[in-house]
Amino acid sequence: MPVQVMVLGATNRPQDLDEAVLRRLSRRIFCDLPNRQARKQILDVSLACLTCLSPNTAVLHGKL
């Protein structure tokens, strides 16, 4: 049975990738930066595992 390997890379500076990397990673997907709502959702998911946050935390007060 053949083994398949997927390599996934991410950077916020694609213009600085060298030619060897670009040759090996043939498919490129460019994504825009997240907007305010998307950033809040990312934080909500990332912080969901924390059970005790400071009452002064901006996320809890909706001041993101």
PDB file of N, CA and C in Angstrom:
ATOM      1  N   MET A   1       0.840  -1.170   0.000  1.00  0.00           N
ATOM      2  CA  MET A   1       0.000   0.000   0.000  1.00  0.00           C
ATOM      3  C   MET A   1       0.899   1.251   0.000  1.00  0.00           C
ATOM      4  N   PRO A   2       0.723   2.158  -0.958  1.00  0.00           N
ATOM      5  CA  PRO A   2       1.571   3.352  -1.022  1.00  0.00           C
ATOM      6  C   PRO A   2       1.253   4.331   0.116  1.00  0.00           C
ATOM      7  N   VAL A   3       2.286   4.981   0.586  1.00  0.00           N
ATOM      8  CA  VAL A   3       2.140   5.965   1.651  1.00  0.00           C
ATOM      9  C   VAL A   3       2.098   7.353   1.032  1.00  0.00           C
ATOM     10  N   GLN A   4       1.134   8.163   1.451  1.00  0.00           N
ATOM     11  CA  GLN A   4       1.031   9.536   0.958  1.00  0.00           C
ATOM     12  C   GLN A   4       1.431  10.488   2.071  1.00  0.00           C
ATOM     13  N   VAL A   5       2.192  11.499   1.703  1.00  0.00           N
ATOM     14  CA  VAL A   5       2.641  12.505   2.657  1.00  0.00           C
ATOM     15  C   VAL A   5       2.221  13.871   2.148  1.00  0.00           C
ATOM     16  N   MET A   6       1.609  14.655   3.027  1.00  0.00           N
ATOM     17  CA  MET A   6       1.252  16.020   2.654  1.00  0.00           C
ATOM     18  C   MET A   6       2.099  16.962   3.499  1.00  0.00           C
ATOM     19  N   VAL A   7       2.724  17.936   2.844  1.00  0.00           N
ATOM     20  CA  VAL A   7       3.504  18.945   3.541  1.00  0.00           C
ATOM     21  C   VAL A   7       2.760  20.261   3.419  1.00  0.00           C
ATOM     22  N   LEU A   8       2.511  20.886   4.548  1.00  0.00           N
ATOM     23  CA  LEU A   8       1.780  22.147   4.577  1.00  0.00           C
ATOM     24  C   LEU A   8       2.676  23.184   5.241  1.00  0.00           C
ATOM     25  N   GLY A   9       2.814  24.321   4.600  1.00  0.00           N
ATOM     26  CA  GLY A   9       3.620  25.395   5.160  1.00  0.00           C
ATOM     27  C   GLY A   9       2.837  26.685   5.148  1.00  0.00           C
ATOM     28  N   ALA A  10       3.205  27.595   6.033  1.00  0.00           N
ATOM     29  CA  ALA A  10       2.528  28.882   6.099  1.00  0.00           C
ATOM     30  C   ALA A  10       3.556  29.968   6.387  1.00  0.00           C
ATOM     31  N   THR A  11       3.337  31.119   5.804  1.00  0.00           N
ATOM     32  CA  THR A  11       4.209  32.257   6.051  1.00  0.00           C
ATOM     33  C   THR A  11       3.423  33.537   5.851  1.00  0.00           C
ATOM     34  N   ASN A  12       3.847  34.574   6.527  1.00  0.00           N
ATOM     35  CA  ASN A  12       3.249  35.877   6.282  1.00  0.00           C
ATOM     36  C   ASN A  12       4.178  36.731   5.400  1.00  0.00           C
ATOM     37  N   ARG A  13       5.229  36.103   4.877  1.00  0.00           N
ATOM     38  CA  ARG A  13       6.156  36.796   3.979  1.00  0.00           C
ATOM     39  C   ARG A  13       6.481  35.925   2.757  1.00  0.00           C
ATOM     40  N   PRO A  14       5.490  35.662   1.908  1.00  0.00           N
ATOM     41  CA  PRO A  14       5.727  34.763   0.768  1.00  0.00           C
ATOM     42  C   PRO A  14       6.774  35.291  -0.202  1.00  0.00           C
ATOM     43  N   GLN A  15       6.987  36.594  -0.234  1.00  0.00           N
ATOM     44  CA  GLN A  15       7.972  37.170  -1.137  1.00  0.00           C
ATOM     45  C   GLN A  15       9.400  36.789  -0.729  1.00  0.00           C
ATOM     46  N   ASP A  16       9.580  36.302   0.502  1.00  0.00           N
ATOM     47  CA  ASP A  16      10.918  35.962   0.984  1.00  0.00           C
ATOM     48  C   ASP A  16      11.250  34.475   0.872  1.00  0.00           C
ATOM     49  N   LEU A  17      10.340  33.671   0.322  1.00  0.00           N
ATOM     50  CA  LEU A  17      10.625  32.241   0.145  1.00  0.00           C
ATOM     51  C   LEU A  17      11.669  32.059  -0.945  1.00  0.00           C
ATOM     52  N   ASP A  18      12.623  31.162  -0.714  1.00  0.00           N
ATOM     53  CA  ASP A  18      13.646  30.960  -1.741  1.00  0.00           C
ATOM     54  C   ASP A  18      13.147  30.001  -2.824  1.00  0.00           C
ATOM     55  N   GLU A  19      13.870  29.977  -3.921  1.00  0.00           N
ATOM     56  CA  GLU A  19      13.438  29.210  -5.097  1.00  0.00           C
ATOM     57  C   GLU A  19      13.316  27.714  -4.824  1.00  0.00           C
ATOM     58  N   ALA A  20      14.176  27.164  -3.980  1.00  0.00           N
ATOM     59  CA  ALA A  20      14.118  25.725  -3.678  1.00  0.00           C
ATOM     60  C   ALA A  20      12.792  25.370  -2.993  1.00  0.00           C
ATOM     61  N   VAL A  21      12.351  26.203  -2.085  1.00  0.00           N
ATOM     62  CA  VAL A  21      11.062  25.961  -1.409  1.00  0.00           C
ATOM     63  C   VAL A  21       9.926  26.080  -2.415  1.00  0.00           C
ATOM     64  N   LEU A  22       9.966  27.102  -3.240  1.00  0.00           N
ATOM     65  CA  LEU A  22       8.902  27.308  -4.223  1.00  0.00           C
ATOM     66  C   LEU A  22       8.808  26.144  -5.218  1.00  0.00           C
ATOM     67  N   ARG A  23       9.924  25.552  -5.585  1.00  0.00           N
ATOM     68  CA  ARG A  23       9.904  24.401  -6.507  1.00  0.00           C
ATOM     69  C   ARG A  23       9.241  23.193  -5.863  1.00  0.00           C
ATOM     70  N   ARG A  24       9.477  22.994  -4.581  1.00  0.00           N
ATOM     71  CA  ARG A  24       8.951  21.811  -3.902  1.00  0.00           C
ATOM     72  C   ARG A  24       7.494  21.957  -3.461  1.00  0.00           C
ATOM     73  N   LEU A  25       7.067  23.184  -3.218  1.00  0.00           N
ATOM     74  CA  LEU A  25       5.684  23.435  -2.820  1.00  0.00           C
ATOM     75  C   LEU A  25       4.969  24.083  -3.993  1.00  0.00           C
ATOM     76  N   SER A  26       4.412  23.255  -4.840  1.00  0.00           N
ATOM     77  CA  SER A  26       3.905  23.729  -6.132  1.00  0.00           C
ATOM     78  C   SER A  26       2.566  24.463  -6.050  1.00  0.00           C
ATOM     79  N   ARG A  27       1.779  24.221  -5.034  1.00  0.00           N
ATOM     80  CA  ARG A  27       0.465  24.860  -4.934  1.00  0.00           C
ATOM     81  C   ARG A  27       0.496  25.945  -3.871  1.00  0.00           C
ATOM     82  N   ARG A  28       0.003  27.118  -4.232  1.00  0.00           N
ATOM     83  CA  ARG A  28      -0.008  28.240  -3.299  1.00  0.00           C
ATOM     84  C   ARG A  28      -1.426  28.755  -3.135  1.00  0.00           C
ATOM     85  N   ILE A  29      -1.800  29.028  -1.903  1.00  0.00           N
ATOM     86  CA  ILE A  29      -3.109  29.594  -1.601  1.00  0.00           C
ATOM     87  C   ILE A  29      -2.873  30.845  -0.774  1.00  0.00           C
ATOM     88  N   PHE A  30      -3.309  31.974  -1.283  1.00  0.00           N
ATOM     89  CA  PHE A  30      -3.140  33.239  -0.572  1.00  0.00           C
ATOM     90  C   PHE A  30      -4.434  33.586   0.142  1.00  0.00           C
ATOM     91  N   CYS A  31      -4.325  33.954   1.406  1.00  0.00           N
ATOM     92  CA  CYS A  31      -5.492  34.309   2.225  1.00  0.00           C
ATOM     93  C   CYS A  31      -5.323  35.731   2.731  1.00  0.00           C
ATOM     94  N   ASP A  32      -6.413  36.471   2.715  1.00  0.00           N
ATOM     95  CA  ASP A  32      -6.388  37.811   3.280  1.00  0.00           C
ATOM     96  C   ASP A  32      -6.296  37.731   4.801  1.00  0.00           C
ATOM     97  N   LEU A  33      -5.903  38.827   5.409  1.00  0.00           N
ATOM     98  CA  LEU A  33      -5.882  38.891   6.862  1.00  0.00           C
ATOM     99  C   LEU A  33      -7.315  38.832   7.391  1.00  0.00           C
ATOM    100  N   PRO A  34      -7.510  38.257   8.561  1.00  0.00           N
ATOM    101  CA  PRO A  34      -8.863  38.181   9.118  1.00  0.00           C
ATOM    102  C   PRO A  34      -9.369  39.559   9.541  1.00  0.00           C
ATOM    103  N   ASN A  35     -10.686  39.762   9.411  1.00  0.00           N
ATOM    104  CA  ASN A  35     -11.281  41.018   9.867  1.00  0.00           C
ATOM    105  C   ASN A  35     -11.513  40.933  11.381  1.00  0.00           C
ATOM    106  N   ARG A  36     -12.097  41.964  11.944  1.00  0.00           N
ATOM    107  CA  ARG A  36     -12.305  42.047  13.398  1.00  0.00           C
ATOM    108  C   ARG A  36     -13.110  40.849  13.933  1.00  0.00           C
ATOM    109  N   GLN A  37     -14.205  40.517  13.266  1.00  0.00           N
ATOM    110  CA  GLN A  37     -15.053  39.403  13.712  1.00  0.00           C
ATOM    111  C   GLN A  37     -14.296  38.074  13.630  1.00  0.00           C
ATOM    112  N   ALA A  38     -13.556  37.863  12.548  1.00  0.00           N
ATOM    113  CA  ALA A  38     -12.798  36.619  12.387  1.00  0.00           C
ATOM    114  C   ALA A  38     -11.692  36.509  13.437  1.00  0.00           C
ATOM    115  N   ARG A  39     -11.035  37.633  13.751  1.00  0.00           N
ATOM    116  CA  ARG A  39     -10.008  37.615  14.794  1.00  0.00           C
ATOM    117  C   ARG A  39     -10.611  37.226  16.139  1.00  0.00           C
ATOM    118  N   LYS A  40     -11.803  37.736  16.437  1.00  0.00           N
ATOM    119  CA  LYS A  40     -12.472  37.377  17.695  1.00  0.00           C
ATOM    120  C   LYS A  40     -12.798  35.889  17.721  1.00  0.00           C
ATOM    121  N   GLN A  41     -13.277  35.352  16.598  1.00  0.00           N
ATOM    122  CA  GLN A  41     -13.589  33.924  16.538  1.00  0.00           C
ATOM    123  C   GLN A  41     -12.325  33.086  16.737  1.00  0.00           C
ATOM    124  N   ILE A  42     -11.217  33.509  16.139  1.00  0.00           N
ATOM    125  CA  ILE A  42      -9.946  32.790  16.303  1.00  0.00           C
ATOM    126  C   ILE A  42      -9.542  32.790  17.772  1.00  0.00           C
ATOM    127  N   LEU A  43      -9.647  33.944  18.414  1.00  0.00           N
ATOM    128  CA  LEU A  43      -9.314  34.021  19.839  1.00  0.00           C
ATOM    129  C   LEU A  43     -10.255  33.180  20.690  1.00  0.00           C
ATOM    130  N   ASP A  44     -11.539  33.217  20.380  1.00  0.00           N
ATOM    131  CA  ASP A  44     -12.509  32.415  21.139  1.00  0.00           C
ATOM    132  C   ASP A  44     -12.159  30.933  21.082  1.00  0.00           C
ATOM    133  N   VAL A  45     -11.828  30.447  19.908  1.00  0.00           N
ATOM    134  CA  VAL A  45     -11.466  29.037  19.744  1.00  0.00           C
ATOM    135  C   VAL A  45     -10.149  28.750  20.460  1.00  0.00           C
ATOM    136  N   SER A  46      -9.188  29.643  20.312  1.00  0.00           N
ATOM    137  CA  SER A  46      -7.867  29.431  20.930  1.00  0.00           C
ATOM    138  C   SER A  46      -7.929  29.466  22.444  1.00  0.00           C
ATOM    139  N   LEU A  47      -8.793  30.296  22.991  1.00  0.00           N
ATOM    140  CA  LEU A  47      -8.861  30.459  24.444  1.00  0.00           C
ATOM    141  C   LEU A  47      -9.936  29.595  25.100  1.00  0.00           C
ATOM    142  N   ALA A  48     -10.664  28.810  24.330  1.00  0.00           N
ATOM    143  CA  ALA A  48     -11.766  28.011  24.867  1.00  0.00           C
ATOM    144  C   ALA A  48     -11.302  27.031  25.936  1.00  0.00           C
ATOM    145  N   CYS A  49     -10.075  26.572  25.845  1.00  0.00           N
ATOM    146  CA  CYS A  49      -9.601  25.578  26.811  1.00  0.00           C
ATOM    147  C   CYS A  49      -9.194  26.205  28.138  1.00  0.00           C
ATOM    148  N   LEU A  50      -9.074  27.517  28.215  1.00  0.00           N
ATOM    149  CA  LEU A  50      -8.703  28.170  29.464  1.00  0.00           C
ATOM    150  C   LEU A  50      -9.937  28.316  30.347  1.00  0.00           C
ATOM    151  N   THR A  51      -9.802  27.943  31.600  1.00  0.00           N
ATOM    152  CA  THR A  51     -10.968  27.992  32.490  1.00  0.00           C
ATOM    153  C   THR A  51     -10.996  29.243  33.359  1.00  0.00           C
ATOM    154  N   CYS A  52      -9.856  29.839  33.614  1.00  0.00           N
ATOM    155  CA  CYS A  52      -9.882  31.034  34.461  1.00  0.00           C
ATOM    156  C   CYS A  52      -9.041  32.137  33.822  1.00  0.00           C
ATOM    157  N   LEU A  53      -9.714  33.168  33.410  1.00  0.00           N
ATOM    158  CA  LEU A  53      -9.046  34.335  32.846  1.00  0.00           C
ATOM    159  C   LEU A  53      -9.252  35.506  33.798  1.00  0.00           C
ATOM    160  N   SER A  54      -8.366  36.455  33.739  1.00  0.00           N
ATOM    161  CA  SER A  54      -8.495  37.653  34.549  1.00  0.00           C
ATOM    162  C   SER A  54      -9.764  38.398  34.168  1.00  0.00           C
ATOM    163  N   PRO A  55     -10.475  39.006  35.137  1.00  0.00           N
ATOM    164  CA  PRO A  55     -11.676  39.780  34.800  1.00  0.00           C
ATOM    165  C   PRO A  55     -11.364  40.991  33.932  1.00  0.00           C
ATOM    166  N   ASN A  56     -10.105  41.358  33.853  1.00  0.00           N
ATOM    167  CA  ASN A  56      -9.705  42.508  33.036  1.00  0.00           C
ATOM    168  C   ASN A  56      -9.381  42.127  31.595  1.00  0.00           C
ATOM    169  N   THR A  57      -9.554  40.870  31.258  1.00  0.00           N
ATOM    170  CA  THR A  57      -9.232  40.412  29.910  1.00  0.00           C
ATOM    171  C   THR A  57     -10.187  41.024  28.893  1.00  0.00           C
ATOM    172  N   ALA A  58      -9.631  41.626  27.854  1.00  0.00           N
ATOM    173  CA  ALA A  58     -10.431  42.336  26.850  1.00  0.00           C
ATOM    174  C   ALA A  58     -11.430  41.411  26.161  1.00  0.00           C
ATOM    175  N   VAL A  59     -11.071  40.153  25.949  1.00  0.00           N
ATOM    176  CA  VAL A  59     -11.960  39.224  25.255  1.00  0.00           C
ATOM    177  C   VAL A  59     -13.252  39.053  26.046  1.00  0.00           C
ATOM    178  N   LEU A  60     -13.150  38.959  27.364  1.00  0.00           N
ATOM    179  CA  LEU A  60     -14.335  38.763  28.185  1.00  0.00           C
ATOM    180  C   LEU A  60     -15.243  39.984  28.182  1.00  0.00           C
ATOM    181  N   HIS A  61     -14.659  41.156  27.999  1.00  0.00           N
ATOM    182  CA  HIS A  61     -15.429  42.384  28.026  1.00  0.00           C
ATOM    183  C   HIS A  61     -15.835  42.858  26.632  1.00  0.00           C
ATOM    184  N   GLY A  62     -15.480  42.093  25.593  1.00  0.00           N
ATOM    185  CA  GLY A  62     -15.860  42.440  24.237  1.00  0.00           C
ATOM    186  C   GLY A  62     -15.141  43.667  23.692  1.00  0.00           C
ATOM    187  N   LYS A  63     -13.971  43.963  24.211  1.00  0.00           N
ATOM    188  CA  LYS A  63     -13.214  45.138  23.778  1.00  0.00           C
ATOM    189  C   LYS A  63     -12.078  44.764  22.862  1.00  0.00           C
ATOM    190  N   LEU A  64     -12.284  43.810  22.038  1.00  0.00           N
ATOM    191  CA  LEU A  64     -11.250  43.317  21.136  1.00  0.00           C
ATOM    192  C   LEU A  64     -11.002  44.305  20.028  1.00  0.00           C
TER     193      LEU A  64
END
